[in-house]
Amino acid sequence: MSNFLTNTNPNPNKSFEVNQPPTDSVSSLCFSPKANFLVATSWDNQVRCWEVARNGVNVATVPKASISMITRYWDTRQSNPVHTQQLPERCYAMTVRHPLMVVGTADRNLIVYNLQNPQVEFKRIVSPLKYQTRCLAAFPDQQGFLVGSIEGRVGVHHLDDSQQGKNFTFKCHREGNEIYSVNSLNFHPVHHTFATAGSDGAFNFWDKDSKQRLKA
């Protein structure tokens, strides 16, 4: 027991700290599925990208980008954005699954882009949820997306007009009269089920096709 109490190793997992870390709270993290890039968004209105070497040390960074009312398209090999797109309002959430990109803004608009023609809006949709958009996740087949709100609801939306009958919303992350924000949505890469994570400190698994919760 004495050895346990006197173990003061401040870094038992041999973690590495990135260069130029965010100056405010980190709001999301994502690894590239095809390269050793780590991207972080933070409450200082910045997006940062690091290239991570095999030993865990970041060896390069790319410039930061504001995401307030502008979407910027970046090539990590260049120091300037390759395209800048003005948004109608502040950006609260974004999801990309090439060639589909969906941006959620402060006025509950959901703006859909085809990244093969990123200069032009493909479609603009009013969120099926009554309250502020908190998170988005594109379907793995790029045929639609999920939207989560601060009011403990998720909307399932298909892009094809002929599939609109399959759209629906459902409640989640609630306990009695307490309602919690849906903070994150993520699809399984193989089975295409998805997970929601909420401010109640819980995460749930769902199947959108059978409209069932799989596990809480």
Protein backbone atom coordinates (compact mmCIF):
# COMPACT_ATOMS: atom_id res chain seq x y z
CA MET A 1 0.00 0.00 0.00
CA SER A 2 2.84 2.39 0.80
CA ASN A 3 4.32 1.90 -2.68
CA PHE A 4 0.94 2.77 -4.20
CA LEU A 5 0.62 5.96 -2.17
CA THR A 6 4.14 7.13 -2.95
CA ASN A 7 3.89 6.53 -6.72
CA THR A 8 3.99 10.09 -8.03
CA ASN A 9 4.74 9.39 -11.69
CA PRO A 10 3.01 12.37 -13.39
CA ASN A 11 2.89 10.62 -16.77
CA PRO A 12 2.40 6.85 -16.31
CA ASN A 13 1.05 6.37 -19.86
CA LYS A 14 3.98 8.23 -21.45
CA SER A 15 1.63 10.70 -23.11
CA PHE A 16 2.87 13.51 -25.35
CA GLU A 17 1.69 17.11 -25.33
CA VAL A 18 1.18 18.69 -28.74
CA ASN A 19 2.89 21.87 -29.83
CA GLN A 20 0.75 25.01 -29.84
CA PRO A 21 -2.19 23.49 -27.93
CA PRO A 22 -5.58 25.25 -27.78
CA THR A 23 -5.82 28.24 -25.46
CA ASP A 24 -9.35 27.33 -24.33
CA SER A 25 -11.44 24.20 -23.74
CA VAL A 26 -11.32 21.53 -26.47
CA SER A 27 -14.79 20.92 -27.94
CA SER A 28 -14.00 17.98 -30.25
CA LEU A 29 -11.21 15.70 -31.47
CA CYS A 30 -10.94 13.58 -34.59
CA PHE A 31 -8.25 11.43 -36.22
CA SER A 32 -8.01 11.18 -39.99
CA PRO A 33 -8.97 7.67 -41.19
CA LYS A 34 -6.29 7.74 -43.90
CA ALA A 35 -3.33 9.63 -42.42
CA ASN A 36 -1.71 10.43 -39.08
CA PHE A 37 -3.54 13.72 -38.63
CA LEU A 38 -5.26 14.80 -35.43
CA VAL A 39 -7.75 17.68 -35.63
CA ALA A 40 -9.10 19.57 -32.63
CA THR A 41 -11.69 22.32 -32.34
CA SER A 42 -11.80 24.55 -29.29
CA TRP A 43 -13.72 27.40 -27.68
CA ASP A 44 -11.12 29.95 -28.77
CA ASN A 45 -12.80 29.75 -32.23
CA GLN A 46 -9.91 27.84 -33.75
CA VAL A 47 -9.36 24.57 -35.61
CA ARG A 48 -5.91 23.01 -35.24
CA CYS A 49 -4.39 20.08 -37.09
CA TRP A 50 -1.26 18.13 -36.14
CA GLU A 51 0.60 15.43 -38.02
CA VAL A 52 1.48 12.75 -35.48
CA ALA A 53 4.63 10.64 -35.90
CA ARG A 54 4.79 6.95 -34.92
CA ASN A 55 6.49 7.80 -31.63
CA GLY A 56 3.57 10.04 -30.72
CA VAL A 57 5.37 13.35 -31.23
CA ASN A 58 3.65 15.85 -33.46
CA VAL A 59 6.01 16.89 -36.23
CA ALA A 60 4.01 19.56 -38.03
CA THR A 61 1.04 21.86 -37.65
CA VAL A 62 -1.13 23.74 -40.09
CA PRO A 63 -2.60 27.24 -39.69
CA LYS A 64 -5.68 27.82 -37.57
CA ALA A 65 -9.08 28.77 -38.92
CA SER A 66 -11.99 30.71 -37.51
CA ILE A 67 -15.33 28.95 -37.85
CA SER A 68 -17.67 31.78 -36.74
CA MET A 69 -19.63 32.62 -39.93
CA ILE A 70 -17.21 31.27 -42.53
CA THR A 71 -16.32 27.81 -43.78
CA ARG A 72 -12.76 27.48 -45.01
CA TYR A 73 -11.47 24.57 -47.08
CA TRP A 74 -7.85 23.65 -46.30
CA ASP A 75 -5.17 21.64 -48.01
CA THR A 76 -2.76 20.72 -45.20
CA ARG A 77 0.15 21.21 -47.59
CA GLN A 78 -0.68 24.91 -47.98
CA SER A 79 -0.70 27.82 -45.56
CA ASN A 80 -3.81 29.48 -47.01
CA PRO A 81 -7.33 28.13 -47.50
CA VAL A 82 -8.13 26.89 -50.99
CA HIS A 83 -11.69 28.20 -50.73
CA THR A 84 -13.72 30.37 -48.33
CA GLN A 85 -17.49 30.06 -48.08
CA GLN A 86 -19.63 32.65 -46.29
CA LEU A 87 -22.32 31.24 -43.99
CA PRO A 88 -25.63 32.94 -43.17
CA GLU A 89 -25.05 32.59 -39.43
CA ARG A 90 -22.61 31.26 -36.84
CA CYS A 91 -21.48 27.67 -37.35
CA TYR A 92 -22.46 25.39 -34.45
CA ALA A 93 -21.76 21.98 -35.98
CA MET A 94 -20.37 20.35 -39.10
CA THR A 95 -20.04 16.83 -40.50
CA VAL A 96 -18.14 15.58 -43.55
CA ARG A 97 -18.28 12.24 -45.32
CA HIS A 98 -17.00 12.92 -48.80
CA PRO A 99 -18.60 14.16 -50.96
CA LEU A 100 -21.30 15.12 -48.42
CA MET A 101 -20.83 18.01 -46.00
CA VAL A 102 -23.54 19.43 -43.72
CA VAL A 103 -23.16 22.62 -41.68
CA GLY A 104 -25.51 23.56 -38.83
CA THR A 105 -25.86 27.27 -38.09
CA ALA A 106 -27.32 29.39 -35.31
CA ASP A 107 -30.67 29.98 -37.03
CA ARG A 108 -31.44 26.21 -37.13
CA ASN A 109 -30.52 26.06 -40.81
CA LEU A 110 -28.75 22.92 -42.04
CA ILE A 111 -26.74 23.69 -45.17
CA VAL A 112 -25.79 20.77 -47.39
CA TYR A 113 -22.79 20.88 -49.75
CA ASN A 114 -21.53 18.53 -52.43
CA LEU A 115 -17.75 18.80 -52.04
CA GLN A 116 -17.30 18.05 -55.72
CA ASN A 117 -18.76 21.55 -56.19
CA PRO A 118 -18.13 23.23 -52.81
CA GLN A 119 -18.76 26.81 -53.97
CA VAL A 120 -22.51 26.17 -54.32
CA GLU A 121 -25.06 25.15 -51.70
CA PHE A 122 -26.64 21.84 -52.66
CA LYS A 123 -29.61 22.24 -50.33
CA ARG A 124 -30.69 24.27 -47.31
CA ILE A 125 -32.98 22.65 -44.74
CA VAL A 126 -34.61 23.96 -41.59
CA SER A 127 -33.77 21.61 -38.75
CA PRO A 128 -36.60 19.22 -37.81
CA LEU A 129 -35.69 19.96 -34.17
CA LYS A 130 -37.13 23.03 -32.45
CA TYR A 131 -34.02 23.95 -30.48
CA GLN A 132 -30.40 24.82 -31.20
CA THR A 133 -28.32 22.35 -33.23
CA ARG A 134 -25.57 20.80 -31.14
CA CYS A 135 -24.06 18.08 -33.37
CA LEU A 136 -24.31 16.39 -36.77
CA ALA A 137 -23.25 13.07 -38.29
CA ALA A 138 -23.44 12.11 -41.98
CA PHE A 139 -24.77 8.67 -42.90
CA PRO A 140 -21.98 6.26 -43.91
CA ASP A 141 -23.60 5.98 -47.37
CA GLN A 142 -23.77 9.80 -47.69
CA GLN A 143 -27.54 9.65 -48.28
CA GLY A 144 -28.51 11.70 -45.24
CA PHE A 145 -27.47 12.78 -41.78
CA LEU A 146 -28.32 12.87 -38.09
CA VAL A 147 -28.82 16.11 -36.17
CA GLY A 148 -28.78 16.43 -32.37
CA SER A 149 -30.04 19.36 -30.32
CA ILE A 150 -29.65 20.88 -26.87
CA GLU A 151 -33.17 19.61 -26.05
CA GLY A 152 -32.32 15.90 -25.91
CA ARG A 153 -33.59 14.98 -29.37
CA VAL A 154 -32.11 13.50 -32.55
CA GLY A 155 -33.43 13.91 -36.07
CA VAL A 156 -32.82 11.37 -38.84
CA HIS A 157 -32.96 13.09 -42.23
CA HIS A 158 -32.61 11.67 -45.77
CA LEU A 159 -31.52 13.92 -48.62
CA ASP A 160 -33.46 12.23 -51.42
CA ASP A 161 -36.94 13.77 -51.71
CA SER A 162 -38.39 10.31 -52.40
CA GLN A 163 -37.10 9.13 -49.00
CA GLN A 164 -38.67 11.87 -46.89
CA GLY A 165 -41.17 9.40 -45.46
CA LYS A 166 -38.27 7.73 -43.64
CA ASN A 167 -37.39 10.90 -41.72
CA PHE A 168 -38.17 10.91 -38.00
CA THR A 169 -37.08 12.38 -34.67
CA PHE A 170 -36.79 10.77 -31.25
CA LYS A 171 -36.14 11.75 -27.64
CA CYS A 172 -33.04 10.65 -25.74
CA HIS A 173 -30.81 11.56 -22.79
CA ARG A 174 -33.67 12.31 -20.43
CA GLU A 175 -34.30 11.30 -16.86
CA GLY A 176 -37.68 12.16 -15.43
CA ASN A 177 -38.19 15.88 -15.99
CA GLU A 178 -34.48 16.46 -16.62
CA ILE A 179 -33.54 17.03 -20.26
CA TYR A 180 -29.90 16.89 -21.40
CA SER A 181 -28.15 18.08 -24.55
CA VAL A 182 -27.06 15.58 -27.20
CA ASN A 183 -23.36 16.45 -27.49
CA SER A 184 -22.05 13.95 -30.01
CA LEU A 185 -23.22 11.53 -32.72
CA ASN A 186 -21.08 8.87 -34.35
CA PHE A 187 -21.74 5.94 -36.71
CA HIS A 188 -20.14 2.51 -36.45
CA PRO A 189 -17.91 2.12 -39.55
CA VAL A 190 -19.12 -1.42 -40.33
CA HIS A 191 -22.60 -2.02 -38.92
CA HIS A 192 -23.84 1.57 -39.49
CA THR A 193 -25.52 1.69 -36.10
CA PHE A 194 -24.75 4.87 -34.20
CA ALA A 195 -24.04 6.22 -30.73
CA THR A 196 -25.28 9.34 -28.99
CA ALA A 197 -23.45 10.97 -26.07
CA GLY A 198 -25.23 13.45 -23.82
CA SER A 199 -24.71 15.92 -21.00
CA ASP A 200 -26.17 13.32 -18.64
CA GLY A 201 -22.80 11.57 -18.86
CA ALA A 202 -24.30 8.62 -20.74
CA PHE A 203 -23.99 7.19 -24.23
CA ASN A 204 -26.58 5.07 -26.05
CA PHE A 205 -26.47 2.86 -29.15
CA TRP A 206 -29.17 3.01 -31.81
CA ASP A 207 -30.27 1.44 -35.10
CA LYS A 208 -31.92 4.08 -37.31
CA ASP A 209 -33.30 1.53 -39.76
CA SER A 210 -35.21 -0.45 -37.14
CA LYS A 211 -35.83 2.70 -35.05
CA GLN A 212 -34.62 0.94 -31.91
CA ARG A 213 -32.24 1.63 -29.07
CA LEU A 214 -29.72 -1.20 -28.90
CA LYS A 215 -28.05 -0.49 -25.58
CA ALA A 216 -27.74 2.25 -22.97
